[in-house]
C-alpha cells in the first residue's frame, strides 16, 4: 500500500526528482510519498513521507482517491503549501520543481500523469 500527497501552490504541484543514486527510477519525477508501514494508517504515512521527503509538516491532508497500482492500493491526498514554503530535500531527491498539470515532465513516474490529470478539481 502506498500513500502520496499532491502539494499545490498557485496553480502548480510540487514534484521531486529522484537522485541518481536512488534505488528506484533515478532521475524521474515523483510526488512525495511512499510505503504505508505496518500499523500505520494511509494519512499517517502520507504526512510522514511529506515531512521526510519535502520538509513540510503540520498541514491538513485531504483524501482524494484510492486507486490500484502495481504496489497495491494507492492512497492520494492533497494539501496547499504555504506561500513561503521551500522544500527541504532528503537523500532520495536531488531537485524539486513546481509544475502546472498541463506541463508535466515526460519522466514522471507512472501512474502520476493519470493521478494529476484527474486529481483535485
PDB file of N, CA and C in Angstrom:
ATOM      1  N   UNK A   1       0.849  -1.168   0.000  1.00  0.00           N
ATOM      2  CA  UNK A   1       0.000   0.000   0.000  1.00  0.00           C
ATOM      3  C   UNK A   1       0.899   1.237   0.000  1.00  0.00           C
ATOM      4  N   UNK A   2       0.506   2.222  -0.803  1.00  0.00           N
ATOM      5  CA  UNK A   2       1.288   3.447  -0.980  1.00  0.00           C
ATOM      6  C   UNK A   2       0.414   4.655  -0.643  1.00  0.00           C
ATOM      7  N   UNK A   3       1.024   5.706  -0.071  1.00  0.00           N
ATOM      8  CA  UNK A   3       0.338   6.967   0.189  1.00  0.00           C
ATOM      9  C   UNK A   3       1.176   8.091  -0.410  1.00  0.00           C
ATOM     10  N   UNK A   4       0.535   8.935  -1.219  1.00  0.00           N
ATOM     11  CA  UNK A   4       1.219  10.072  -1.838  1.00  0.00           C
ATOM     12  C   UNK A   4       0.417  11.343  -1.587  1.00  0.00           C
ATOM     13  N   UNK A   5       1.103  12.486  -1.708  1.00  0.00           N
ATOM     14  CA  UNK A   5       0.444  13.772  -1.496  1.00  0.00           C
ATOM     15  C   UNK A   5       0.721  14.705  -2.666  1.00  0.00           C
ATOM     16  N   UNK A   6      -0.346  15.293  -3.163  1.00  0.00           N
ATOM     17  CA  UNK A   6      -0.247  16.363  -4.154  1.00  0.00           C
ATOM     18  C   UNK A   6      -0.153  17.664  -3.361  1.00  0.00           C
ATOM     19  N   UNK A   7       0.972  18.332  -3.466  1.00  0.00           N
ATOM     20  CA  UNK A   7       1.196  19.605  -2.778  1.00  0.00           C
ATOM     21  C   UNK A   7       0.989  20.710  -3.810  1.00  0.00           C
ATOM     22  N   UNK A   8      -0.009  21.545  -3.575  1.00  0.00           N
ATOM     23  CA  UNK A   8      -0.355  22.601  -4.522  1.00  0.00           C
ATOM     24  C   UNK A   8       0.105  23.966  -4.032  1.00  0.00           C
ATOM     25  N   UNK A   9       0.424  24.813  -5.000  1.00  0.00           N
ATOM     26  CA  UNK A   9       0.719  26.221  -4.704  1.00  0.00           C
ATOM     27  C   UNK A   9       0.509  27.023  -5.967  1.00  0.00           C
ATOM     28  N   UNK A  10      -0.387  27.984  -5.913  1.00  0.00           N
ATOM     29  CA  UNK A  10      -0.626  28.925  -7.010  1.00  0.00           C
ATOM     30  C   UNK A  10      -0.791  28.225  -8.358  1.00  0.00           C
ATOM     31  N   UNK A  11      -1.617  27.185  -8.402  1.00  0.00           N
ATOM     32  CA  UNK A  11      -1.907  26.501  -9.655  1.00  0.00           C
ATOM     33  C   UNK A  11      -0.850  25.522 -10.124  1.00  0.00           C
ATOM     34  N   UNK A  12       0.122  25.224  -9.263  1.00  0.00           N
ATOM     35  CA  UNK A  12       1.165  24.263  -9.618  1.00  0.00           C
ATOM     36  C   UNK A  12       1.223  23.160  -8.559  1.00  0.00           C
ATOM     37  N   UNK A  13       1.940  22.096  -8.884  1.00  0.00           N
ATOM     38  CA  UNK A  13       2.134  20.996  -7.941  1.00  0.00           C
ATOM     39  C   UNK A  13       3.629  20.760  -7.741  1.00  0.00           C
ATOM     40  N   UNK A  14       3.977  20.310  -6.544  1.00  0.00           N
ATOM     41  CA  UNK A  14       5.365  20.020  -6.206  1.00  0.00           C
ATOM     42  C   UNK A  14       5.759  18.652  -6.751  1.00  0.00           C
ATOM     43  N   UNK A  15       6.844  18.620  -7.506  1.00  0.00           N
ATOM     44  CA  UNK A  15       7.423  17.372  -7.993  1.00  0.00           C
ATOM     45  C   UNK A  15       8.849  17.262  -7.485  1.00  0.00           C
ATOM     46  N   UNK A  16       9.235  16.057  -7.086  1.00  0.00           N
ATOM     47  CA  UNK A  16      10.585  15.793  -6.600  1.00  0.00           C
ATOM     48  C   UNK A  16      11.289  14.895  -7.596  1.00  0.00           C
ATOM     49  N   UNK A  17      12.511  15.286  -8.006  1.00  0.00           N
ATOM     50  CA  UNK A  17      13.280  14.429  -8.921  1.00  0.00           C
ATOM     51  C   UNK A  17      14.125  13.468  -8.102  1.00  0.00           C
ATOM     52  N   UNK A  18      13.997  12.196  -8.401  1.00  0.00           N
ATOM     53  CA  UNK A  18      14.736  11.159  -7.685  1.00  0.00           C
ATOM     54  C   UNK A  18      16.222  11.267  -8.029  1.00  0.00           C
ATOM     55  N   UNK A  19      17.065  11.175  -7.016  1.00  0.00           N
ATOM     56  CA  UNK A  19      18.508  11.360  -7.202  1.00  0.00           C
ATOM     57  C   UNK A  19      19.111  10.231  -8.043  1.00  0.00           C
ATOM     58  N   UNK A  20      20.288  10.471  -8.633  1.00  0.00           N
ATOM     59  CA  UNK A  20      20.938   9.448  -9.467  1.00  0.00           C
ATOM     60  C   UNK A  20      21.253   8.158  -8.710  1.00  0.00           C
ATOM     61  N   UNK A  21      21.363   8.231  -7.389  1.00  0.00           N
ATOM     62  CA  UNK A  21      21.668   7.033  -6.596  1.00  0.00           C
ATOM     63  C   UNK A  21      20.410   6.373  -6.028  1.00  0.00           C
ATOM     64  N   UNK A  22      19.248   6.905  -6.344  1.00  0.00           N
ATOM     65  CA  UNK A  22      18.004   6.316  -5.844  1.00  0.00           C
ATOM     66  C   UNK A  22      17.872   4.887  -6.381  1.00  0.00           C
ATOM     67  N   UNK A  23      17.439   3.949  -5.540  1.00  0.00           N
ATOM     68  CA  UNK A  23      17.353   2.557  -5.968  1.00  0.00           C
ATOM     69  C   UNK A  23      16.230   2.292  -6.965  1.00  0.00           C
ATOM     70  N   UNK A  24      15.273   3.209  -7.071  1.00  0.00           N
ATOM     71  CA  UNK A  24      14.126   3.021  -7.954  1.00  0.00           C
ATOM     72  C   UNK A  24      13.912   4.285  -8.774  1.00  0.00           C
ATOM     73  N   UNK A  25      13.885   4.155 -10.086  1.00  0.00           N
ATOM     74  CA  UNK A  25      13.595   5.257 -11.020  1.00  0.00           C
ATOM     75  C   UNK A  25      14.469   6.501 -10.806  1.00  0.00           C
ATOM     76  N   UNK A  26      15.793   6.359 -10.767  1.00  0.00           N
ATOM     77  CA  UNK A  26      16.637   7.551 -10.631  1.00  0.00           C
ATOM     78  C   UNK A  26      16.409   8.512 -11.796  1.00  0.00           C
ATOM     79  N   UNK A  27      16.368   9.800 -11.483  1.00  0.00           N
ATOM     80  CA  UNK A  27      16.180  10.827 -12.498  1.00  0.00           C
ATOM     81  C   UNK A  27      14.730  11.086 -12.863  1.00  0.00           C
ATOM     82  N   UNK A  28      13.811  10.331 -12.320  1.00  0.00           N
ATOM     83  CA  UNK A  28      12.390  10.504 -12.620  1.00  0.00           C
ATOM     84  C   UNK A  28      11.745  11.393 -11.565  1.00  0.00           C
ATOM     85  N   UNK A  29      10.700  12.112 -11.972  1.00  0.00           N
ATOM     86  CA  UNK A  29       9.955  12.966 -11.049  1.00  0.00           C
ATOM     87  C   UNK A  29       8.846  12.172 -10.377  1.00  0.00           C
ATOM     88  N   UNK A  30       8.582  12.526  -9.127  1.00  0.00           N
ATOM     89  CA  UNK A  30       7.632  11.810  -8.310  1.00  0.00           C
ATOM     90  C   UNK A  30       6.932  12.801  -7.381  1.00  0.00           C
ATOM     91  N   UNK A  31       5.846  12.372  -6.781  1.00  0.00           N
ATOM     92  CA  UNK A  31       5.202  13.128  -5.713  1.00  0.00           C
ATOM     93  C   UNK A  31       5.750  12.636  -4.377  1.00  0.00           C
ATOM     94  N   UNK A  32       5.728  13.474  -3.348  1.00  0.00           N
ATOM     95  CA  UNK A  32       6.135  12.989  -2.033  1.00  0.00           C
ATOM     96  C   UNK A  32       5.225  11.835  -1.602  1.00  0.00           C
ATOM     97  N   UNK A  33       5.812  10.762  -1.151  1.00  0.00           N
ATOM     98  CA  UNK A  33       5.016   9.630  -0.703  1.00  0.00           C
ATOM     99  C   UNK A  33       5.847   8.379  -0.592  1.00  0.00           C
ATOM    100  N   UNK A  34       5.190   7.300  -0.199  1.00  0.00           N
ATOM    101  CA  UNK A  34       5.884   6.036  -0.075  1.00  0.00           C
ATOM    102  C   UNK A  34       5.015   4.972   0.549  1.00  0.00           C
ATOM    103  N   UNK A  35       5.665   3.942   1.016  1.00  0.00           N
ATOM    104  CA  UNK A  35       5.003   2.762   1.555  1.00  0.00           C
ATOM    105  C   UNK A  35       4.346   3.067   2.904  1.00  0.00           C
ATOM    106  N   UNK A  36       3.134   2.556   3.070  1.00  0.00           N
ATOM    107  CA  UNK A  36       2.457   2.618   4.359  1.00  0.00           C
ATOM    108  C   UNK A  36       3.036   1.497   5.211  1.00  0.00           C
ATOM    109  N   UNK A  37       3.674   1.875   6.309  1.00  0.00           N
ATOM    110  CA  UNK A  37       4.335   0.904   7.188  1.00  0.00           C
ATOM    111  C   UNK A  37       3.303   0.111   8.001  1.00  0.00           C
ATOM    112  N   UNK A  38       3.674  -1.089   8.477  1.00  0.00           N
ATOM    113  CA  UNK A  38       2.758  -1.874   9.315  1.00  0.00           C
ATOM    114  C   UNK A  38       2.305  -1.058  10.534  1.00  0.00           C
ATOM    115  N   UNK A  39       1.004  -1.081  10.799  1.00  0.00           N
ATOM    116  CA  UNK A  39       0.440  -0.348  11.923  1.00  0.00           C
ATOM    117  C   UNK A  39       0.161   1.119  11.645  1.00  0.00           C
ATOM    118  N   UNK A  40       0.496   1.579  10.458  1.00  0.00           N
ATOM    119  CA  UNK A  40       0.327   2.978  10.085  1.00  0.00           C
ATOM    120  C   UNK A  40      -0.918   3.115   9.208  1.00  0.00           C
ATOM    121  N   UNK A  41      -1.657   4.192   9.387  1.00  0.00           N
ATOM    122  CA  UNK A  41      -2.787   4.489   8.519  1.00  0.00           C
ATOM    123  C   UNK A  41      -2.287   5.273   7.307  1.00  0.00           C
ATOM    124  N   UNK A  42      -2.992   5.200   6.174  1.00  0.00           N
ATOM    125  CA  UNK A  42      -2.525   5.897   4.973  1.00  0.00           C
ATOM    126  C   UNK A  42      -2.262   7.390   5.180  1.00  0.00           C
ATOM    127  N   UNK A  43      -3.144   8.097   5.905  1.00  0.00           N
ATOM    128  CA  UNK A  43      -2.903   9.531   6.093  1.00  0.00           C
ATOM    129  C   UNK A  43      -1.675   9.784   6.970  1.00  0.00           C
ATOM    130  N   UNK A  44      -1.384   8.869   7.895  1.00  0.00           N
ATOM    131  CA  UNK A  44      -0.179   8.994   8.719  1.00  0.00           C
ATOM    132  C   UNK A  44       1.068   8.792   7.861  1.00  0.00           C
ATOM    133  N   UNK A  45       1.011   7.823   6.965  1.00  0.00           N
ATOM    134  CA  UNK A  45       2.143   7.580   6.067  1.00  0.00           C
ATOM    135  C   UNK A  45       2.352   8.768   5.141  1.00  0.00           C
ATOM    136  N   UNK A  46       1.265   9.320   4.606  1.00  0.00           N
ATOM    137  CA  UNK A  46       1.376  10.481   3.718  1.00  0.00           C
ATOM    138  C   UNK A  46       2.022  11.654   4.450  1.00  0.00           C
ATOM    139  N   UNK A  47       1.602  11.906   5.685  1.00  0.00           N
ATOM    140  CA  UNK A  47       2.172  13.006   6.471  1.00  0.00           C
ATOM    141  C   UNK A  47       3.646  12.761   6.772  1.00  0.00           C
ATOM    142  N   UNK A  48       3.984  11.527   7.154  1.00  0.00           N
ATOM    143  CA  UNK A  48       5.384  11.187   7.458  1.00  0.00           C
ATOM    144  C   UNK A  48       6.264  11.362   6.224  1.00  0.00           C
ATOM    145  N   UNK A  49       5.821  10.818   5.099  1.00  0.00           N
ATOM    146  CA  UNK A  49       6.605  10.905   3.858  1.00  0.00           C
ATOM    147  C   UNK A  49       6.749  12.351   3.390  1.00  0.00           C
ATOM    148  N   UNK A  50       5.703  13.146   3.549  1.00  0.00           N
ATOM    149  CA  UNK A  50       5.757  14.556   3.155  1.00  0.00           C
ATOM    150  C   UNK A  50       6.801  15.301   3.974  1.00  0.00           C
ATOM    151  N   UNK A  51       6.862  15.006   5.264  1.00  0.00           N
ATOM    152  CA  UNK A  51       7.870  15.647   6.102  1.00  0.00           C
ATOM    153  C   UNK A  51       9.271  15.135   5.765  1.00  0.00           C
ATOM    154  N   UNK A  52       9.418  13.816   5.598  1.00  0.00           N
ATOM    155  CA  UNK A  52      10.732  13.239   5.304  1.00  0.00           C
ATOM    156  C   UNK A  52      11.275  13.694   3.951  1.00  0.00           C
ATOM    157  N   UNK A  53      10.432  13.723   2.936  1.00  0.00           N
ATOM    158  CA  UNK A  53      10.899  13.964   1.569  1.00  0.00           C
ATOM    159  C   UNK A  53      10.903  15.427   1.151  1.00  0.00           C
ATOM    160  N   UNK A  54      10.065  16.251   1.787  1.00  0.00           N
ATOM    161  CA  UNK A  54       9.988  17.650   1.366  1.00  0.00           C
ATOM    162  C   UNK A  54      10.099  18.644   2.510  1.00  0.00           C
ATOM    163  N   UNK A  55      10.111  18.159   3.752  1.00  0.00           N
ATOM    164  CA  UNK A  55      10.237  19.057   4.891  1.00  0.00           C
ATOM    165  C   UNK A  55       8.962  19.816   5.221  1.00  0.00           C
ATOM    166  N   UNK A  56       7.825  19.338   4.759  1.00  0.00           N
ATOM    167  CA  UNK A  56       6.550  20.012   5.010  1.00  0.00           C
ATOM    168  C   UNK A  56       5.769  19.231   6.063  1.00  0.00           C
ATOM    169  N   UNK A  57       5.446  19.911   7.166  1.00  0.00           N
ATOM    170  CA  UNK A  57       4.733  19.264   8.275  1.00  0.00           C
ATOM    171  C   UNK A  57       3.631  20.184   8.775  1.00  0.00           C
ATOM    172  N   UNK A  58       2.678  19.585   9.472  1.00  0.00           N
ATOM    173  CA  UNK A  58       1.632  20.372  10.112  1.00  0.00           C
ATOM    174  C   UNK A  58       0.601  20.937   9.162  1.00  0.00           C
ATOM    175  N   UNK A  59       0.429  20.336   7.989  1.00  0.00           N
ATOM    176  CA  UNK A  59      -0.573  20.803   7.039  1.00  0.00           C
ATOM    177  C   UNK A  59      -1.742  19.824   7.007  1.00  0.00           C
ATOM    178  N   UNK A  60      -2.889  20.311   6.631  1.00  0.00           N
ATOM    179  CA  UNK A  60      -4.085  19.480   6.526  1.00  0.00           C
ATOM    180  C   UNK A  60      -4.005  18.662   5.236  1.00  0.00           C
ATOM    181  N   UNK A  61      -4.140  17.342   5.365  1.00  0.00           N
ATOM    182  CA  UNK A  61      -4.158  16.457   4.204  1.00  0.00           C
ATOM    183  C   UNK A  61      -5.604  16.067   3.914  1.00  0.00           C
ATOM    184  N   UNK A  62      -6.044  16.326   2.703  1.00  0.00           N
ATOM    185  CA  UNK A  62      -7.393  15.977   2.275  1.00  0.00           C
ATOM    186  C   UNK A  62      -7.331  14.724   1.425  1.00  0.00           C
ATOM    187  N   UNK A  63      -8.067  13.667   1.796  1.00  0.00           N
ATOM    188  CA  UNK A  63      -8.055  12.461   0.957  1.00  0.00           C
ATOM    189  C   UNK A  63      -8.758  12.727  -0.363  1.00  0.00           C
ATOM    190  N   UNK A  64      -8.166  12.236  -1.466  1.00  0.00           N
ATOM    191  CA  UNK A  64      -8.749  12.434  -2.797  1.00  0.00           C
ATOM    192  C   UNK A  64      -9.330  11.152  -3.363  1.00  0.00           C
ATOM    193  N   UNK A  65      -8.509  10.109  -3.401  1.00  0.00           N
ATOM    194  CA  UNK A  65      -8.939   8.877  -4.040  1.00  0.00           C
ATOM    195  C   UNK A  65      -8.053   7.729  -3.597  1.00  0.00           C
ATOM    196  N   UNK A  66      -8.513   6.536  -3.874  1.00  0.00           N
ATOM    197  CA  UNK A  66      -7.714   5.330  -3.726  1.00  0.00           C
ATOM    198  C   UNK A  66      -7.839   4.599  -5.046  1.00  0.00           C
ATOM    199  N   UNK A  67      -6.704   4.270  -5.644  1.00  0.00           N
ATOM    200  CA  UNK A  67      -6.727   3.547  -6.910  1.00  0.00           C
ATOM    201  C   UNK A  67      -5.773   2.359  -6.836  1.00  0.00           C
ATOM    202  N   UNK A  68      -5.862   1.504  -7.828  1.00  0.00           N
ATOM    203  CA  UNK A  68      -4.969   0.355  -7.902  1.00  0.00           C
ATOM    204  C   UNK A  68      -3.656   0.774  -8.522  1.00  0.00           C
ATOM    205  N   UNK A  69      -2.586   0.169  -8.057  1.00  0.00           N
ATOM    206  CA  UNK A  69      -1.271   0.397  -8.651  1.00  0.00           C
ATOM    207  C   UNK A  69      -0.500  -0.912  -8.586  1.00  0.00           C
ATOM    208  N   UNK A  70       0.669  -0.934  -9.187  1.00  0.00           N
ATOM    209  CA  UNK A  70       1.485  -2.150  -9.154  1.00  0.00           C
ATOM    210  C   UNK A  70       1.942  -2.493  -7.750  1.00  0.00           C
ATOM    211  N   UNK A  71       1.838  -1.538  -6.808  1.00  0.00           N
ATOM    212  CA  UNK A  71       2.264  -1.761  -5.421  1.00  0.00           C
ATOM    213  C   UNK A  71       1.075  -1.997  -4.498  1.00  0.00           C
ATOM    214  N   UNK A  72      -0.110  -2.150  -5.030  1.00  0.00           N
ATOM    215  CA  UNK A  72      -1.317  -2.305  -4.216  1.00  0.00           C
ATOM    216  C   UNK A  72      -2.089  -0.999  -4.201  1.00  0.00           C
ATOM    217  N   UNK A  73      -2.980  -0.820  -3.231  1.00  0.00           N
ATOM    218  CA  UNK A  73      -3.780   0.408  -3.173  1.00  0.00           C
ATOM    219  C   UNK A  73      -2.895   1.656  -3.094  1.00  0.00           C
ATOM    220  N   UNK A  74      -3.248   2.656  -3.897  1.00  0.00           N
ATOM    221  CA  UNK A  74      -2.547   3.941  -3.933  1.00  0.00           C
ATOM    222  C   UNK A  74      -3.483   4.986  -3.340  1.00  0.00           C
ATOM    223  N   UNK A  75      -3.150   5.462  -2.138  1.00  0.00           N
ATOM    224  CA  UNK A  75      -3.950   6.469  -1.450  1.00  0.00           C
ATOM    225  C   UNK A  75      -3.397   7.848  -1.805  1.00  0.00           C
ATOM    226  N   UNK A  76      -4.251   8.694  -2.366  1.00  0.00           N
ATOM    227  CA  UNK A  76      -3.828  10.010  -2.823  1.00  0.00           C
ATOM    228  C   UNK A  76      -4.469  11.077  -1.931  1.00  0.00           C
ATOM    229  N   UNK A  77      -3.622  11.971  -1.433  1.00  0.00           N
ATOM    230  CA  UNK A  77      -4.047  13.096  -0.608  1.00  0.00           C
ATOM    231  C   UNK A  77      -3.616  14.377  -1.292  1.00  0.00           C
ATOM    232  N   UNK A  78      -4.177  15.500  -0.857  1.00  0.00           N
ATOM    233  CA  UNK A  78      -3.692  16.798  -1.347  1.00  0.00           C
ATOM    234  C   UNK A  78      -3.593  17.759  -0.191  1.00  0.00           C
ATOM    235  N   UNK A  79      -2.770  18.776  -0.391  1.00  0.00           N
ATOM    236  CA  UNK A  79      -2.619  19.844   0.588  1.00  0.00           C
ATOM    237  C   UNK A  79      -2.177  21.102  -0.146  1.00  0.00           C
ATOM    238  N   UNK A  80      -2.317  22.216   0.504  1.00  0.00           N
ATOM    239  CA  UNK A  80      -1.874  23.504  -0.024  1.00  0.00           C
ATOM    240  C   UNK A  80      -0.597  23.898   0.704  1.00  0.00           C
ATOM    241  N   UNK A  81       0.448  24.234  -0.038  1.00  0.00           N
ATOM    242  CA  UNK A  81       1.706  24.674   0.574  1.00  0.00           C
ATOM    243  C   UNK A  81       1.598  26.141   0.967  1.00  0.00           C
ATOM    244  N   UNK A  82       2.136  26.487   2.118  1.00  0.00           N
ATOM    245  CA  UNK A  82       2.188  27.906   2.482  1.00  0.00           C
ATOM    246  C   UNK A  82       3.027  28.669   1.449  1.00  0.00           C
ATOM    247  N   UNK A  83       2.716  29.939   1.208  1.00  0.00           N
ATOM    248  CA  UNK A  83       3.439  30.711   0.184  1.00  0.00           C
ATOM    249  C   UNK A  83       4.951  30.751   0.397  1.00  0.00           C
ATOM    250  N   UNK A  84       5.391  30.732   1.655  1.00  0.00           N
ATOM    251  CA  UNK A  84       6.828  30.842   1.944  1.00  0.00           C
ATOM    252  C   UNK A  84       7.544  29.493   1.942  1.00  0.00           C
ATOM    253  N   UNK A  85       6.810  28.405   1.710  1.00  0.00           N
ATOM    254  CA  UNK A  85       7.401  27.065   1.785  1.00  0.00           C
ATOM    255  C   UNK A  85       8.441  26.830   0.687  1.00  0.00           C
ATOM    256  N   UNK A  86       9.626  26.374   1.119  1.00  0.00           N
ATOM    257  CA  UNK A  86      10.682  25.935   0.210  1.00  0.00           C
ATOM    258  C   UNK A  86      11.020  24.503   0.609  1.00  0.00           C
ATOM    259  N   UNK A  87      10.856  23.552  -0.306  1.00  0.00           N
ATOM    260  CA  UNK A  87      11.122  22.151   0.041  1.00  0.00           C
ATOM    261  C   UNK A  87      12.545  21.916   0.529  1.00  0.00           C
ATOM    262  N   UNK A  88      12.655  21.053   1.521  1.00  0.00           N
ATOM    263  CA  UNK A  88      13.930  20.570   2.025  1.00  0.00           C
ATOM    264  C   UNK A  88      14.030  19.124   1.584  1.00  0.00           C
ATOM    265  N   UNK A  89      14.940  18.836   0.690  1.00  0.00           N
ATOM    266  CA  UNK A  89      15.014  17.510   0.089  1.00  0.00           C
ATOM    267  C   UNK A  89      15.782  16.524   0.958  1.00  0.00           C
ATOM    268  N   UNK A  90      15.375  15.271   0.902  1.00  0.00           N
ATOM    269  CA  UNK A  90      16.101  14.204   1.593  1.00  0.00           C
ATOM    270  C   UNK A  90      17.045  13.538   0.583  1.00  0.00           C
ATOM    271  N   UNK A  91      17.705  12.492   1.012  1.00  0.00           N
ATOM    272  CA  UNK A  91      18.685  11.814   0.166  1.00  0.00           C
ATOM    273  C   UNK A  91      18.072  11.199  -1.092  1.00  0.00           C
ATOM    274  N   UNK A  92      16.759  10.957  -1.099  1.00  0.00           N
ATOM    275  CA  UNK A  92      16.124  10.309  -2.245  1.00  0.00           C
ATOM    276  C   UNK A  92      15.971  11.232  -3.451  1.00  0.00           C
ATOM    277  N   UNK A  93      15.993  12.541  -3.222  1.00  0.00           N
ATOM    278  CA  UNK A  93      15.743  13.508  -4.296  1.00  0.00           C
ATOM    279  C   UNK A  93      16.882  14.505  -4.394  1.00  0.00           C
ATOM    280  N   UNK A  94      17.134  14.971  -5.615  1.00  0.00           N
ATOM    281  CA  UNK A  94      18.199  15.952  -5.797  1.00  0.00           C
ATOM    282  C   UNK A  94      17.696  17.283  -6.343  1.00  0.00           C
ATOM    283  N   UNK A  95      16.393  17.358  -6.642  1.00  0.00           N
ATOM    284  CA  UNK A  95      15.843  18.581  -7.215  1.00  0.00           C
ATOM    285  C   UNK A  95      14.339  18.579  -7.021  1.00  0.00           C
ATOM    286  N   UNK A  96      13.758  19.776  -6.989  1.00  0.00           N
ATOM    287  CA  UNK A  96      12.305  19.882  -6.964  1.00  0.00           C
ATOM    288  C   UNK A  96      11.888  20.925  -7.980  1.00  0.00           C
ATOM    289  N   UNK A  97      10.622  20.872  -8.378  1.00  0.00           N
ATOM    290  CA  UNK A  97      10.065  21.906  -9.242  1.00  0.00           C
ATOM    291  C   UNK A  97       8.583  22.048  -8.942  1.00  0.00           C
ATOM    292  N   UNK A  98       8.048  23.207  -9.284  1.00  0.00           N
ATOM    293  CA  UNK A  98       6.617  23.450  -9.219  1.00  0.00           C
ATOM    294  C   UNK A  98       6.132  23.414 -10.659  1.00  0.00           C
ATOM    295  N   UNK A  99       5.252  22.475 -10.986  1.00  0.00           N
ATOM    296  CA  UNK A  99       4.827  22.284 -12.370  1.00  0.00           C
ATOM    297  C   UNK A  99       3.312  22.422 -12.505  1.00  0.00           C
ATOM    298  N   UNK A 100       2.912  22.978 -13.616  1.00  0.00           N
ATOM    299  CA  UNK A 100       1.495  23.019 -13.962  1.00  0.00           C
ATOM    300  C   UNK A 100       1.077  21.624 -14.421  1.00  0.00           C
ATOM    301  N   UNK A 101      -0.134  21.220 -14.099  1.00  0.00           N
ATOM    302  CA  UNK A 101      -0.577  19.894 -14.539  1.00  0.00           C
ATOM    303  C   UNK A 101      -0.732  19.820 -16.057  1.00  0.00           C
ATOM    304  N   UNK A 102      -0.730  20.954 -16.731  1.00  0.00           N
ATOM    305  CA  UNK A 102      -0.786  20.938 -18.194  1.00  0.00           C
ATOM    306  C   UNK A 102       0.614  20.915 -18.809  1.00  0.00           C
ATOM    307  N   UNK A 103       1.659  20.963 -17.976  1.00  0.00           N
ATOM    308  CA  UNK A 103       3.033  20.979 -18.467  1.00  0.00           C
ATOM    309  C   UNK A 103       3.914  20.120 -17.569  1.00  0.00           C
ATOM    310  N   UNK A 104       3.575  18.833 -17.478  1.00  0.00           N
ATOM    311  CA  UNK A 104       4.313  17.911 -16.618  1.00  0.00           C
ATOM    312  C   UNK A 104       5.533  17.355 -17.340  1.00  0.00           C
ATOM    313  N   UNK A 105       6.615  17.057 -16.624  1.00  0.00           N
ATOM    314  CA  UNK A 105       7.791  16.475 -17.269  1.00  0.00           C
ATOM    315  C   UNK A 105       7.478  15.082 -17.821  1.00  0.00           C
ATOM    316  N   UNK A 106       8.123  14.741 -18.919  1.00  0.00           N
ATOM    317  CA  UNK A 106       7.901  13.438 -19.556  1.00  0.00           C
ATOM    318  C   UNK A 106       8.361  12.292 -18.673  1.00  0.00           C
ATOM    319  N   UNK A 107       9.367  12.540 -17.852  1.00  0.00           N
ATOM    320  CA  UNK A 107       9.894  11.488 -16.974  1.00  0.00           C
ATOM    321  C   UNK A 107       9.225  11.541 -15.594  1.00  0.00           C
ATOM    322  N   UNK A 108       7.898  11.471 -15.609  1.00  0.00           N
ATOM    323  CA  UNK A 108       7.097  11.432 -14.405  1.00  0.00           C
ATOM    324  C   UNK A 108       6.710   9.982 -14.137  1.00  0.00           C
ATOM    325  N   UNK A 109       6.944   9.519 -12.917  1.00  0.00           N
ATOM    326  CA  UNK A 109       6.672   8.140 -12.537  1.00  0.00           C
ATOM    327  C   UNK A 109       5.198   7.794 -12.790  1.00  0.00           C
ATOM    328  N   UNK A 110       4.961   6.612 -13.387  1.00  0.00           N
ATOM    329  CA  UNK A 110       3.588   6.117 -13.556  1.00  0.00           C
ATOM    330  C   UNK A 110       3.030   5.790 -12.185  1.00  0.00           C
ATOM    331  N   UNK A 111       1.804   5.922 -11.925  1.00  0.00           N
ATOM    332  CA  UNK A 111       0.673   6.401 -12.721  1.00  0.00           C
ATOM    333  C   UNK A 111       0.353   7.869 -12.463  1.00  0.00           C
ATOM    334  N   UNK A 112       1.366   8.691 -12.240  1.00  0.00           N
ATOM    335  CA  UNK A 112       1.124  10.054 -11.794  1.00  0.00           C
ATOM    336  C   UNK A 112       0.508  10.962 -12.847  1.00  0.00           C
ATOM    337  N   UNK A 113       0.722  10.688 -14.145  1.00  0.00           N
ATOM    338  CA  UNK A 113       0.046  11.503 -15.167  1.00  0.00           C
ATOM    339  C   UNK A 113      -1.466  11.408 -14.966  1.00  0.00           C
ATOM    340  N   UNK A 114      -1.953  10.190 -14.776  1.00  0.00           N
ATOM    341  CA  UNK A 114      -3.386   9.981 -14.563  1.00  0.00           C
ATOM    342  C   UNK A 114      -3.853  10.603 -13.256  1.00  0.00           C
ATOM    343  N   UNK A 115      -3.098  10.417 -12.188  1.00  0.00           N
ATOM    344  CA  UNK A 115      -3.448  10.963 -10.881  1.00  0.00           C
ATOM    345  C   UNK A 115      -3.536  12.492 -10.957  1.00  0.00           C
ATOM    346  N   UNK A 116      -2.554  13.124 -11.589  1.00  0.00           N
ATOM    347  CA  UNK A 116      -2.527  14.577 -11.635  1.00  0.00           C
ATOM    348  C   UNK A 116      -3.520  15.161 -12.639  1.00  0.00           C
ATOM    349  N   UNK A 117      -3.814  14.451 -13.704  1.00  0.00           N
ATOM    350  CA  UNK A 117      -4.750  14.992 -14.686  1.00  0.00           C
ATOM    351  C   UNK A 117      -6.193  14.923 -14.202  1.00  0.00           C
ATOM    352  N   UNK A 118      -6.475  14.017 -13.272  1.00  0.00           N
ATOM    353  CA  UNK A 118      -7.857  13.883 -12.778  1.00  0.00           C
ATOM    354  C   UNK A 118      -7.953  14.213 -11.296  1.00  0.00           C
ATOM    355  N   UNK A 119      -6.975  14.861 -10.754  1.00  0.00           N
ATOM    356  CA  UNK A 119      -6.719  14.923  -9.334  1.00  0.00           C
ATOM    357  C   UNK A 119      -7.707  15.640  -8.447  1.00  0.00           C
ATOM    358  N   UNK A 120      -7.953  16.869  -8.614  1.00  0.00           N
ATOM    359  CA  UNK A 120      -8.430  17.629  -7.472  1.00  0.00           C
ATOM    360  C   UNK A 120      -9.429  18.741  -7.771  1.00  0.00           C
ATOM    361  N   UNK A 121      -9.986  18.765  -8.899  1.00  0.00           N
ATOM    362  CA  UNK A 121     -10.891  19.880  -9.178  1.00  0.00           C
ATOM    363  C   UNK A 121     -12.272  19.669  -8.615  1.00  0.00           C
TER     364      UNK A 121
END
